[in-house]
Structures are given as structure tokens and as C-alpha cells.
Amino acid sequence: MSEKEEFSKETIDHISKLALLDLSDDEKEKLAIQLGDILNYFKKLDDLDTSNVKPMTHPIDGLKNVFREDIIWKSLSNEEALKNAKYKKDGYIKAPRILKEK
């Protein structure tokens, strides 16, 4: 097995930016170690002899259709759906913005 996987500061900065996380330098160092440990654990799978293991297409043999039949029933009215919503606007539930603007 190769040396322990290490993540550069630039890689950790990029990952935290994609995840919209503001991390301290200590948190970034800890994340780099944790991600390296995770990848090294998965690399152990490369050392396993799987030549006699039959590929598995699905964990449950003989499973055919897992979809339920569509059944139409009465749904909530717009008023019923909104009656417990704390914030509403124009007949919709108003939620906080989750994406930052560039």
C-alpha cells in the first residue's frame, strides 16, 4: 500500500468553499487528516483478493419491482398546507436563502 494520503491546503480550501463551510485553520488541518484516513481505509480494499467473489447485481436476489402502485387520494388544499407555516408569500412557504451570491 502507498504512503498515507495527504491533502494540500489548496484542496481543503476548495472543498470547504464548495461545501460553503467557513473553517478555521485548525479545522482545516483536522479535515485534511480525516479525509486522508478515509481514503487510506478505502485503499485497503485494493489489497483484498476478490478473484473468487461473484459480482453482485443487487443485494436481494429475485427482487423484481420495488415500486408501489399509484393510488390517487385527496391531497391537502393550499390553505391547509400553509396553515402552520411560519412564513408565507403569494401562496407558498417562504424559506431562507441557502445559496450565497458571488
C-alpha atoms as a PDB file:
ATOM      1  CA  MET A   1       0.000   0.000   0.000  1.00  0.00           C
ATOM      2  CA  SER A   2       1.234   3.509  -0.775  1.00  0.00           C
ATOM      3  CA  GLU A   3       2.086   6.233   1.690  1.00  0.00           C
ATOM      4  CA  LYS A   4      -0.595   7.947   3.716  1.00  0.00           C
ATOM      5  CA  GLU A   5      -2.773  10.188   1.553  1.00  0.00           C
ATOM      6  CA  GLU A   6      -2.346  13.885   2.288  1.00  0.00           C
ATOM      7  CA  PHE A   7      -4.457  16.821   1.191  1.00  0.00           C
ATOM      8  CA  SER A   8      -2.912  20.159   0.321  1.00  0.00           C
ATOM      9  CA  LYS A   9      -4.122  23.390   1.864  1.00  0.00           C
ATOM     10  CA  GLU A  10      -5.465  24.406  -1.562  1.00  0.00           C
ATOM     11  CA  THR A  11      -7.506  21.189  -1.844  1.00  0.00           C
ATOM     12  CA  ILE A  12      -9.017  21.662   1.619  1.00  0.00           C
ATOM     13  CA  ASP A  13      -9.770  25.322   0.820  1.00  0.00           C
ATOM     14  CA  HIS A  14     -11.505  24.246  -2.393  1.00  0.00           C
ATOM     15  CA  ILE A  15     -13.540  21.525  -0.643  1.00  0.00           C
ATOM     16  CA  SER A  16     -14.635  23.864   2.150  1.00  0.00           C
ATOM     17  CA  LYS A  17     -15.599  26.532  -0.403  1.00  0.00           C
ATOM     18  CA  LEU A  18     -17.711  24.020  -2.365  1.00  0.00           C
ATOM     19  CA  ALA A  19     -19.406  22.928   0.860  1.00  0.00           C
ATOM     20  CA  LEU A  20     -19.961  26.571   1.893  1.00  0.00           C
ATOM     21  CA  LEU A  21     -18.034  25.991   5.125  1.00  0.00           C
ATOM     22  CA  ASP A  22     -16.005  28.684   6.845  1.00  0.00           C
ATOM     23  CA  LEU A  23     -13.324  26.622   8.587  1.00  0.00           C
ATOM     24  CA  SER A  24     -10.585  27.772  10.903  1.00  0.00           C
ATOM     25  CA  ASP A  25      -7.003  26.710  10.200  1.00  0.00           C
ATOM     26  CA  ASP A  26      -7.236  24.071  12.962  1.00  0.00           C
ATOM     27  CA  GLU A  27     -10.452  22.677  11.457  1.00  0.00           C
ATOM     28  CA  LYS A  28      -8.829  22.555   8.011  1.00  0.00           C
ATOM     29  CA  GLU A  29      -5.860  20.600   9.383  1.00  0.00           C
ATOM     30  CA  LYS A  30      -8.203  18.182  11.154  1.00  0.00           C
ATOM     31  CA  LEU A  31     -10.294  17.765   7.984  1.00  0.00           C
ATOM     32  CA  ALA A  32      -7.173  17.045   5.915  1.00  0.00           C
ATOM     33  CA  ILE A  33      -6.171  14.274   8.337  1.00  0.00           C
ATOM     34  CA  GLN A  34      -9.685  12.805   8.474  1.00  0.00           C
ATOM     35  CA  LEU A  35     -10.095  12.773   4.689  1.00  0.00           C
ATOM     36  CA  GLY A  36      -6.675  11.164   4.319  1.00  0.00           C
ATOM     37  CA  ASP A  37      -7.625   8.469   6.827  1.00  0.00           C
ATOM     38  CA  ILE A  38     -10.868   7.772   4.955  1.00  0.00           C
ATOM     39  CA  LEU A  39      -9.100   7.406   1.606  1.00  0.00           C
ATOM     40  CA  ASN A  40      -6.408   5.188   3.108  1.00  0.00           C
ATOM     41  CA  TYR A  41      -9.083   2.949   4.579  1.00  0.00           C
ATOM     42  CA  PHE A  42     -10.669   2.544   1.137  1.00  0.00           C
ATOM     43  CA  LYS A  43      -7.248   1.816  -0.382  1.00  0.00           C
ATOM     44  CA  LYS A  44      -7.094  -1.287   1.835  1.00  0.00           C
ATOM     45  CA  LEU A  45      -9.779  -2.762  -0.413  1.00  0.00           C
ATOM     46  CA  ASP A  46      -7.213  -2.869  -3.232  1.00  0.00           C
ATOM     47  CA  ASP A  47      -5.230  -5.435  -1.210  1.00  0.00           C
ATOM     48  CA  LEU A  48      -8.144  -7.874  -0.956  1.00  0.00           C
ATOM     49  CA  ASP A  49      -8.273 -10.903  -3.226  1.00  0.00           C
ATOM     50  CA  THR A  50     -11.706 -10.778  -4.820  1.00  0.00           C
ATOM     51  CA  SER A  51     -10.947 -13.091  -7.730  1.00  0.00           C
ATOM     52  CA  ASN A  52     -13.318 -15.789  -6.407  1.00  0.00           C
ATOM     53  CA  VAL A  53     -16.100 -13.381  -5.480  1.00  0.00           C
ATOM     54  CA  LYS A  54     -19.027 -13.355  -7.875  1.00  0.00           C
ATOM     55  CA  PRO A  55     -20.148  -9.813  -8.786  1.00  0.00           C
ATOM     56  CA  MET A  56     -23.367  -8.825  -7.086  1.00  0.00           C
ATOM     57  CA  THR A  57     -26.008  -7.063  -9.145  1.00  0.00           C
ATOM     58  CA  HIS A  58     -28.386  -6.491  -6.239  1.00  0.00           C
ATOM     59  CA  PRO A  59     -28.196  -7.403  -2.539  1.00  0.00           C
ATOM     60  CA  ILE A  60     -31.628  -9.076  -2.607  1.00  0.00           C
ATOM     61  CA  ASP A  61     -31.925 -11.987  -5.028  1.00  0.00           C
ATOM     62  CA  GLY A  62     -35.105 -12.244  -7.057  1.00  0.00           C
ATOM     63  CA  LEU A  63     -36.298  -8.721  -6.333  1.00  0.00           C
ATOM     64  CA  LYS A  64     -38.361  -7.532  -9.277  1.00  0.00           C
ATOM     65  CA  ASN A  65     -40.367  -4.341  -8.875  1.00  0.00           C
ATOM     66  CA  VAL A  66     -39.946  -2.181  -5.805  1.00  0.00           C
ATOM     67  CA  PHE A  67     -42.410   0.498  -6.905  1.00  0.00           C
ATOM     68  CA  ARG A  68     -45.775   0.765  -5.255  1.00  0.00           C
ATOM     69  CA  GLU A  69     -48.926   1.134  -7.267  1.00  0.00           C
ATOM     70  CA  ASP A  70     -50.041   4.715  -7.829  1.00  0.00           C
ATOM     71  CA  ILE A  71     -53.140   5.398  -5.791  1.00  0.00           C
ATOM     72  CA  ILE A  72     -54.915   8.728  -6.145  1.00  0.00           C
ATOM     73  CA  TRP A  73     -56.263  10.265  -2.964  1.00  0.00           C
ATOM     74  CA  LYS A  74     -57.403  13.693  -1.830  1.00  0.00           C
ATOM     75  CA  SER A  75     -54.474  15.937  -1.041  1.00  0.00           C
ATOM     76  CA  LEU A  76     -54.293  18.996   1.186  1.00  0.00           C
ATOM     77  CA  SER A  77     -55.693  22.242  -0.056  1.00  0.00           C
ATOM     78  CA  ASN A  78     -53.285  25.155  -0.364  1.00  0.00           C
ATOM     79  CA  GLU A  79     -54.790  26.753   2.756  1.00  0.00           C
ATOM     80  CA  GLU A  80     -54.410  23.534   4.780  1.00  0.00           C
ATOM     81  CA  ALA A  81     -50.802  23.103   3.641  1.00  0.00           C
ATOM     82  CA  LEU A  82     -49.906  26.681   4.610  1.00  0.00           C
ATOM     83  CA  LYS A  83     -51.830  26.983   7.870  1.00  0.00           C
ATOM     84  CA  ASN A  84     -48.855  26.007  10.094  1.00  0.00           C
ATOM     85  CA  ALA A  85     -46.142  27.675   8.004  1.00  0.00           C
ATOM     86  CA  LYS A  86     -44.451  30.469   9.904  1.00  0.00           C
ATOM     87  CA  TYR A  87     -43.552  32.471   6.792  1.00  0.00           C
ATOM     88  CA  LYS A  88     -45.742  32.618   3.681  1.00  0.00           C
ATOM     89  CA  LYS A  89     -45.661  34.649   0.490  1.00  0.00           C
ATOM     90  CA  ASP A  90     -48.009  34.559  -2.520  1.00  0.00           C
ATOM     91  CA  GLY A  91     -49.464  31.157  -1.583  1.00  0.00           C
ATOM     92  CA  TYR A  92     -46.068  29.495  -0.971  1.00  0.00           C
ATOM     93  CA  ILE A  93     -43.950  28.693   2.057  1.00  0.00           C
ATOM     94  CA  LYS A  94     -41.171  31.257   2.272  1.00  0.00           C
ATOM     95  CA  ALA A  95     -37.813  29.723   3.168  1.00  0.00           C
ATOM     96  CA  PRO A  96     -34.450  31.387   3.869  1.00  0.00           C
ATOM     97  CA  ARG A  97     -31.945  31.701   1.034  1.00  0.00           C
ATOM     98  CA  ILE A  98     -29.385  28.891   1.136  1.00  0.00           C
ATOM     99  CA  LEU A  99     -27.056  29.948  -1.685  1.00  0.00           C
ATOM    100  CA  LYS A 100     -24.628  32.825  -1.395  1.00  0.00           C
ATOM    101  CA  GLU A 101     -24.326  35.374  -4.141  1.00  0.00           C
ATOM    102  CA  LYS A 102     -20.926  35.698  -5.789  1.00  0.00           C
END
